[in-house]
Amino acid sequence: MTVMKYGQAIDAALGEAMARDDRVVTWGEDVRLIHRDLLARFGPDRVSDTSISESAFLYAGVGAAMGGLRPVVEIMLIDFLAVAWSAIANAASKYRDFSGGSWEVPLVVRAGCGGWYGDGGQHEQTLWGQLSAYPNINVVCPSTPADAAGLMLAAVESDEVVVFLEHQLLSEQWMDYLAGGRRPTVSFAHLVPPDGAEGDVPLPLEPLPLGRAALRRQGSDVVLVSLGVGAHRCLEAAQVLAESGIEASVLDLRSVYPLDTDALLDQARGTGRLVVVDEDYVRGGLSGEIAARLLEAGVAPKYARVAVEGTIPFAPHLEYAALPNAERIVTAVKALE
C-alpha cells in the first residue's frame, strides 16, 4: 500500500500497462507536458502530442486500435469530445458489430470532466449519460486514487471502448493546469474532497472490474447513489442527515456503464428510498436509467434525483447552487419523508 494523488494513481496505472504491453500508447493535446513522467519513461514514440483537432486524433485512435495497438487517447476536457462525436457514435461504438465481431476496438478515451472550479458550462460537463447510451461504450469515473488506478488498468486491458473520465476537482494535474495560478484571488480547496484527491493505493496495482459499485457507507433509511465527486458530496450529506436521525447508505457506482444493477436493487429494496446524485444533466441520462431499471425489476422505492438542470454558470456561488451540493441532497432526502 502506498499513498498517491488521484492523477498520479492514474498515470501510475497507465505506466504499468505500458510497461507490460508495448502496444499501449497515448496521445493528445499537451500530453507530453501534462504527463511528462510517462514521456521520460517511454519516450516520444509512445507518448505523443497532437494538434488541436480532436476529430482527427480520436479517429486515428480508432484506426490504431483496429490495427493492433491499444491506444489511450486523451481529450483534454470531455466537453471537447463534441467536435469529435462521430468518432465515438459512428465508428468506435459500432465497428465490432458491423464487422460481425471480426474487428475489435480496444480504445481508451481519457478525458477530464466535472465542475466546482469555476470554468463554466463549456468546460465542466460530465456527459456520461449521453456517452453510455451508445452500444459497446463503457464509461467509468472513479472517486478515489485506488479506484482510479484499478479502473485505468481494467480500461487498458479491455477489448472494448472505455471512456475513462477523470474528475478535474480530484486531479492535482488538472487543478494545477486549469485552475492553478490563473485565479490568485479565488480558492477551490474547500470544495476538494481530501479522500478523493489523495489516498491509499494497493500495491501491486491490479485491475478493478468494470461495472462493480462500492458501498461507501451503510445506512437503513435511504440510499444515495452517485460517482466521481458526487460520491463525496453524498458522504457529506449523509453526515448532515445523521445529525437529524436519518441514516443514509452511499453507493458509489464507479461505472455508468456497465451499471451495477444488482447493487442498486439490493440497496433500494433494503431502504425503500433512493436518491440519485448526478453531476450530469437531469434529462435523458443516468438518473432516468436507474429509475427505469428499478421499475423493470419490480422495485419502486421512493425516488428523487439531484442533478444539473441547465447550463453551468461561471460565478462561483451560482455554479455551487447548480451542481449537486450537500444541501440540495439533504433537501431531496427530507422531501421523501
Protein backbone atom coordinates (compact mmCIF):
# COMPACT_ATOMS: atom_id res chain seq x y z
CA MET A 1 0.00 0.00 0.00
CA THR A 2 1.21 3.49 -0.84
CA VAL A 3 -0.31 6.97 -0.73
CA MET A 4 -0.93 8.57 -4.13
CA LYS A 5 -2.72 11.57 -5.51
CA TYR A 6 -5.59 10.96 -7.91
CA GLY A 7 -3.85 11.92 -11.17
CA GLN A 8 -0.64 10.27 -10.01
CA ALA A 9 -2.51 6.99 -9.49
CA ILE A 10 -3.97 7.12 -13.00
CA ASP A 11 -0.58 7.76 -14.55
CA ALA A 12 0.98 5.02 -12.41
CA ALA A 13 -1.57 2.54 -13.73
CA LEU A 14 -1.10 3.71 -17.31
CA GLY A 15 2.67 3.41 -16.87
CA GLU A 16 2.25 -0.11 -15.53
CA ALA A 17 0.11 -1.02 -18.54
CA MET A 18 2.65 0.48 -20.94
CA ALA A 19 5.46 -1.44 -19.26
CA ARG A 20 3.55 -4.71 -19.56
CA ASP A 21 2.48 -4.24 -23.19
CA ASP A 22 4.36 -2.21 -25.79
CA ARG A 23 1.16 -1.93 -27.85
CA VAL A 24 -0.14 0.59 -25.29
CA VAL A 25 0.45 4.15 -26.48
CA THR A 26 -1.01 7.51 -25.53
CA TRP A 27 -1.51 10.78 -27.36
CA GLY A 28 -3.45 14.02 -27.17
CA GLU A 29 -3.04 17.75 -26.73
CA ASP A 30 -0.15 18.62 -24.39
CA VAL A 31 0.20 15.08 -23.04
CA ARG A 32 3.99 15.37 -23.05
CA LEU A 33 3.70 18.32 -20.70
CA ILE A 34 0.86 17.08 -18.52
CA HIS A 35 2.22 13.52 -18.27
CA ARG A 36 5.92 14.27 -18.54
CA ASP A 37 6.87 11.36 -16.27
CA LEU A 38 5.39 8.98 -18.85
CA LEU A 39 7.26 10.81 -21.59
CA ALA A 40 10.55 10.47 -19.72
CA ARG A 41 9.92 6.78 -19.14
CA PHE A 42 8.57 5.66 -22.53
CA GLY A 43 9.75 8.28 -25.00
CA PRO A 44 8.09 10.36 -27.72
CA ASP A 45 7.12 7.38 -29.89
CA ARG A 46 4.67 6.16 -27.24
CA VAL A 47 3.72 9.47 -25.59
CA SER A 48 2.80 11.90 -28.36
CA ASP A 49 1.44 15.41 -28.65
CA THR A 50 -1.21 16.16 -31.25
CA SER A 51 -2.59 19.19 -32.98
CA ILE A 52 -5.77 20.80 -31.67
CA SER A 53 -8.04 18.59 -33.77
CA GLU A 54 -9.96 16.17 -31.59
CA SER A 55 -11.82 14.68 -34.53
CA ALA A 56 -8.59 13.81 -36.32
CA PHE A 57 -6.65 12.30 -33.43
CA LEU A 58 -9.63 10.41 -31.99
CA TYR A 59 -10.39 8.84 -35.37
CA ALA A 60 -6.67 8.00 -35.53
CA GLY A 61 -7.10 6.22 -32.22
CA VAL A 62 -9.99 4.16 -33.59
CA GLY A 63 -7.89 3.11 -36.57
CA ALA A 64 -4.86 2.36 -34.40
CA ALA A 65 -6.96 0.17 -32.12
CA MET A 66 -8.36 -1.75 -35.08
CA GLY A 67 -4.82 -2.11 -36.41
CA GLY A 68 -3.44 -3.82 -33.30
CA LEU A 69 -2.41 -1.07 -30.88
CA ARG A 70 -4.09 -0.31 -27.56
CA PRO A 71 -4.22 3.49 -27.64
CA VAL A 72 -5.17 5.76 -24.75
CA VAL A 73 -6.35 8.91 -26.49
CA GLU A 74 -6.66 11.95 -24.27
CA ILE A 75 -9.34 14.53 -24.92
CA MET A 76 -8.35 17.39 -22.64
CA LEU A 77 -11.94 18.02 -21.48
CA ILE A 78 -14.91 15.78 -22.18
CA ASP A 79 -16.76 18.87 -23.46
CA PHE A 80 -14.35 18.93 -26.41
CA LEU A 81 -15.50 15.48 -27.48
CA ALA A 82 -18.44 17.29 -29.06
CA VAL A 83 -16.28 18.18 -32.06
CA ALA A 84 -15.28 14.51 -32.46
CA TRP A 85 -18.61 12.88 -31.57
CA SER A 86 -18.78 10.92 -34.82
CA ALA A 87 -15.63 9.02 -33.89
CA ILE A 88 -17.44 7.67 -30.82
CA ALA A 89 -21.02 7.48 -32.07
CA ASN A 90 -20.49 6.24 -35.63
CA ALA A 91 -17.14 4.48 -35.50
CA ALA A 92 -15.80 3.23 -32.17
CA SER A 93 -19.16 2.08 -30.85
CA LYS A 94 -20.25 0.17 -33.98
CA TYR A 95 -17.32 -1.27 -35.92
CA ARG A 96 -17.27 -4.51 -33.94
CA ASP A 97 -20.95 -5.12 -34.66
CA PHE A 98 -20.70 -4.01 -38.28
CA SER A 99 -17.86 -6.50 -38.80
CA GLY A 100 -19.66 -9.37 -37.12
CA GLY A 101 -17.02 -9.39 -34.39
CA SER A 102 -14.05 -9.51 -36.75
CA TRP A 103 -12.78 -6.11 -35.62
CA GLU A 104 -12.16 -5.19 -32.01
CA VAL A 105 -11.65 -1.59 -30.91
CA PRO A 106 -9.56 -1.72 -27.70
CA LEU A 107 -9.57 2.04 -27.26
CA VAL A 108 -9.44 4.13 -24.09
CA VAL A 109 -10.65 7.71 -24.31
CA ARG A 110 -9.27 9.58 -21.30
CA ALA A 111 -10.80 12.96 -20.50
CA GLY A 112 -11.17 15.46 -17.71
CA CYS A 113 -14.73 16.10 -16.58
CA GLY A 114 -16.76 17.81 -13.93
CA GLY A 115 -17.09 21.17 -12.26
CA TRP A 116 -16.71 23.03 -8.95
CA TYR A 117 -13.63 25.03 -10.02
CA GLY A 118 -15.23 27.91 -11.95
CA ASP A 119 -14.77 27.11 -15.64
CA GLY A 120 -18.40 27.26 -16.72
CA GLY A 121 -20.70 25.30 -18.96
CA GLN A 122 -18.26 24.63 -21.82
CA HIS A 123 -15.56 23.09 -19.62
CA GLU A 124 -17.29 21.42 -16.66
CA GLN A 125 -19.74 18.91 -18.08
CA THR A 126 -19.60 15.17 -17.46
CA LEU A 127 -21.72 13.90 -20.39
CA TRP A 128 -21.55 10.33 -19.09
CA GLY A 129 -25.27 9.79 -19.65
CA GLN A 130 -25.02 10.55 -23.37
CA LEU A 131 -21.84 8.53 -23.81
CA SER A 132 -23.24 5.43 -22.14
CA ALA A 133 -26.25 5.44 -24.46
CA TYR A 134 -24.17 4.09 -27.35
CA PRO A 135 -23.57 0.34 -27.81
CA ASN A 136 -20.19 -1.10 -26.83
CA ILE A 137 -19.11 2.02 -24.91
CA ASN A 138 -18.07 1.58 -21.29
CA VAL A 139 -17.98 4.73 -19.15
CA VAL A 140 -16.20 5.00 -15.80
CA CYS A 141 -15.49 7.84 -13.35
CA PRO A 142 -13.52 6.87 -10.23
CA SER A 143 -13.87 8.75 -6.96
CA THR A 144 -10.63 7.71 -5.22
CA PRO A 145 -6.98 7.18 -6.21
CA ALA A 146 -7.26 3.43 -5.58
CA ASP A 147 -10.27 3.15 -7.88
CA ALA A 148 -8.62 5.43 -10.43
CA ALA A 149 -5.60 3.12 -10.69
CA GLY A 150 -7.63 -0.08 -10.81
CA LEU A 151 -10.12 1.20 -13.36
CA MET A 152 -7.40 2.56 -15.65
CA LEU A 153 -5.69 -0.83 -15.70
CA ALA A 154 -9.01 -2.51 -16.45
CA ALA A 155 -9.76 0.03 -19.18
CA VAL A 156 -6.45 -0.56 -20.98
CA GLU A 157 -6.84 -4.33 -20.73
CA SER A 158 -10.40 -4.26 -22.10
CA ASP A 159 -11.05 -5.22 -25.71
CA GLU A 160 -13.92 -2.72 -25.83
CA VAL A 161 -14.07 1.06 -25.89
CA VAL A 162 -13.74 2.59 -22.43
CA VAL A 163 -14.30 6.28 -21.77
CA PHE A 164 -12.24 7.00 -18.66
CA LEU A 165 -13.45 10.20 -17.01
CA GLU A 166 -11.00 11.88 -14.66
CA HIS A 167 -12.84 14.30 -12.40
CA GLN A 168 -10.96 17.59 -12.58
CA LEU A 169 -11.68 18.62 -9.00
CA LEU A 170 -9.94 15.47 -7.73
CA SER A 171 -6.96 15.61 -10.09
CA GLU A 172 -3.97 17.63 -8.95
CA GLN A 173 -2.77 17.72 -12.56
CA TRP A 174 -5.95 19.29 -13.90
CA MET A 175 -6.40 21.64 -10.95
CA ASP A 176 -2.88 22.93 -11.44
CA TYR A 177 -3.28 23.12 -15.22
CA LEU A 178 -6.78 24.62 -15.33
CA ALA A 179 -7.39 26.40 -12.04
CA GLY A 180 -3.95 26.97 -10.54
CA GLY A 181 -2.18 30.30 -10.80
CA ARG A 182 -4.70 31.94 -13.12
CA ARG A 183 -7.03 32.99 -10.30
CA PRO A 184 -4.95 34.16 -7.34
CA THR A 185 -7.98 35.67 -5.59
CA VAL A 186 -10.12 32.51 -5.75
CA SER A 187 -9.58 29.27 -3.84
CA PHE A 188 -11.29 25.98 -4.60
CA ALA A 189 -9.53 23.98 -1.87
CA HIS A 190 -12.61 23.86 0.38
CA LEU A 191 -14.53 22.05 -2.37
CA VAL A 192 -11.92 19.32 -2.98
CA PRO A 193 -12.76 16.06 -1.15
CA PRO A 194 -9.48 15.13 0.58
CA ASP A 195 -10.13 11.37 0.48
CA GLY A 196 -10.72 11.58 -3.25
CA ALA A 197 -7.74 13.76 -4.10
CA GLU A 198 -5.24 11.60 -2.20
CA GLY A 199 -5.37 8.18 -0.58
CA ASP A 200 -4.03 4.66 -0.19
CA VAL A 201 -3.45 2.65 -3.35
CA PRO A 202 -2.83 -1.10 -3.07
CA LEU A 203 0.41 -2.47 -4.50
CA PRO A 204 0.98 -4.22 -6.78
CA LEU A 205 -1.51 -2.41 -8.97
CA GLU A 206 -4.34 -4.66 -10.10
CA PRO A 207 -7.31 -4.04 -12.42
CA LEU A 208 -10.68 -3.32 -10.86
CA PRO A 209 -13.62 -5.00 -12.64
CA LEU A 210 -15.75 -2.60 -14.66
CA GLY A 211 -19.35 -2.29 -13.55
CA ARG A 212 -18.94 -3.08 -9.86
CA ALA A 213 -20.24 -0.49 -7.40
CA ALA A 214 -18.75 0.16 -3.96
CA LEU A 215 -20.79 0.73 -0.80
CA ARG A 216 -19.07 3.69 0.88
CA ARG A 217 -21.45 3.98 3.83
CA GLN A 218 -24.12 1.71 5.28
CA GLY A 219 -27.49 3.10 6.38
CA SER A 220 -31.02 1.84 6.78
CA ASP A 221 -33.24 4.80 5.82
CA VAL A 222 -32.20 5.90 2.32
CA VAL A 223 -29.55 5.15 -0.28
CA LEU A 224 -27.66 7.94 -2.04
CA VAL A 225 -26.31 6.86 -5.42
CA SER A 226 -23.56 8.68 -7.30
CA LEU A 227 -20.00 8.51 -8.66
CA GLY A 228 -16.96 10.76 -9.01
CA VAL A 229 -17.11 13.84 -6.79
CA GLY A 230 -20.82 13.13 -6.32
CA ALA A 231 -19.95 10.17 -4.08
CA HIS A 232 -18.12 12.54 -1.75
CA ARG A 233 -20.98 15.03 -1.76
CA CYS A 234 -23.25 12.15 -0.76
CA LEU A 235 -20.95 11.31 2.16
CA GLU A 236 -21.08 14.95 3.25
CA ALA A 237 -24.88 14.90 3.07
CA ALA A 238 -25.05 11.59 4.95
CA GLN A 239 -23.17 13.17 7.87
CA VAL A 240 -25.66 16.02 7.99
CA LEU A 241 -28.62 13.65 7.74
CA ALA A 242 -27.27 11.51 10.59
CA GLU A 243 -27.46 14.53 12.87
CA SER A 244 -31.22 14.56 12.35
CA GLY A 245 -31.59 10.80 12.81
CA ILE A 246 -31.63 9.74 9.15
CA GLU A 247 -29.09 7.02 8.33
CA ALA A 248 -28.06 7.02 4.67
CA SER A 249 -26.18 4.45 2.63
CA VAL A 250 -23.85 5.80 -0.03
CA LEU A 251 -23.42 3.69 -3.17
CA ASP A 252 -20.55 4.72 -5.43
CA LEU A 253 -21.35 3.32 -8.88
CA ARG A 254 -17.81 3.87 -10.24
CA SER A 255 -19.18 2.98 -13.72
CA VAL A 256 -22.11 4.48 -15.62
CA TYR A 257 -21.88 1.54 -17.98
CA PRO A 258 -21.69 -1.29 -17.12
CA LEU A 259 -24.19 -0.30 -14.44
CA ASP A 260 -24.25 -2.41 -11.26
CA THR A 261 -27.99 -3.08 -11.28
CA ASP A 262 -27.74 -5.80 -8.62
CA ALA A 263 -26.21 -3.36 -6.12
CA LEU A 264 -28.88 -0.77 -6.91
CA LEU A 265 -31.69 -3.26 -6.44
CA ASP A 266 -30.21 -4.55 -3.20
CA GLN A 267 -29.95 -1.08 -1.71
CA ALA A 268 -33.35 0.07 -2.99
CA ARG A 269 -35.06 -2.99 -1.53
CA GLY A 270 -33.25 -2.54 1.77
CA THR A 271 -34.06 1.12 2.37
CA GLY A 272 -37.18 1.78 0.28
CA ARG A 273 -35.82 5.23 -0.57
CA LEU A 274 -33.29 6.12 -3.26
CA VAL A 275 -31.79 9.44 -4.34
CA VAL A 276 -29.61 9.66 -7.45
CA VAL A 277 -26.97 12.39 -7.22
CA ASP A 278 -25.82 13.04 -10.75
CA GLU A 279 -23.35 15.68 -11.95
CA ASP A 280 -24.75 15.21 -15.44
CA TYR A 281 -27.92 16.68 -16.92
CA VAL A 282 -31.21 15.60 -15.41
CA ARG A 283 -32.73 14.88 -18.84
CA GLY A 284 -32.06 11.65 -20.72
CA GLY A 285 -29.21 10.38 -18.55
CA LEU A 286 -28.09 8.25 -15.63
CA SER A 287 -30.81 9.21 -13.17
CA GLY A 288 -33.59 8.19 -15.56
CA GLU A 289 -31.81 4.97 -16.49
CA ILE A 290 -31.56 3.97 -12.84
CA ALA A 291 -35.26 4.65 -12.29
CA ALA A 292 -36.16 2.55 -15.35
CA ARG A 293 -34.04 -0.41 -14.23
CA LEU A 294 -35.58 -0.39 -10.78
CA LEU A 295 -39.12 -0.33 -12.17
CA GLU A 296 -38.36 -3.03 -14.73
CA ALA A 297 -37.23 -5.25 -11.85
CA GLY A 298 -40.45 -4.58 -9.95
CA VAL A 299 -38.79 -2.37 -7.33
CA ALA A 300 -40.44 1.01 -6.73
CA PRO A 301 -38.72 2.91 -3.91
CA LYS A 302 -39.49 6.47 -3.01
CA TYR A 303 -37.25 8.19 -5.55
CA ALA A 304 -35.65 11.58 -6.16
CA ARG A 305 -32.75 12.94 -8.18
CA VAL A 306 -30.35 15.80 -7.69
CA ALA A 307 -28.71 16.70 -10.97
CA VAL A 308 -27.71 19.55 -13.28
CA GLU A 309 -30.79 21.35 -14.54
CA GLY A 310 -29.23 23.68 -17.13
CA THR A 311 -26.05 25.43 -18.25
CA ILE A 312 -23.41 25.51 -15.52
CA PRO A 313 -22.68 29.16 -14.59
CA PHE A 314 -19.24 30.75 -14.16
CA ALA A 315 -19.88 32.71 -10.95
CA PRO A 316 -18.78 30.53 -8.01
CA HIS A 317 -21.96 30.96 -5.94
CA LEU A 318 -24.18 30.21 -8.95
CA GLU A 319 -22.02 27.27 -10.00
CA TYR A 320 -22.23 25.81 -6.49
CA ALA A 321 -26.01 26.12 -6.49
CA ALA A 322 -26.28 24.48 -9.93
CA LEU A 323 -24.19 21.43 -9.07
CA PRO A 324 -25.37 18.62 -6.74
CA ASN A 325 -24.17 20.02 -3.41
CA ALA A 326 -24.78 18.53 0.03
CA GLU A 327 -27.56 20.99 0.86
CA ARG A 328 -29.55 20.00 -2.24
CA ILE A 329 -29.08 16.33 -1.40
CA VAL A 330 -30.29 16.77 2.18
CA THR A 331 -33.36 18.68 0.97
CA ALA A 332 -34.20 15.94 -1.56
CA VAL A 333 -33.92 13.21 1.07
CA LYS A 334 -36.12 15.02 3.57
CA ALA A 335 -38.74 15.61 0.86
CA LEU A 336 -39.14 11.82 0.60
CA GLU A 337 -40.35 11.52 4.17
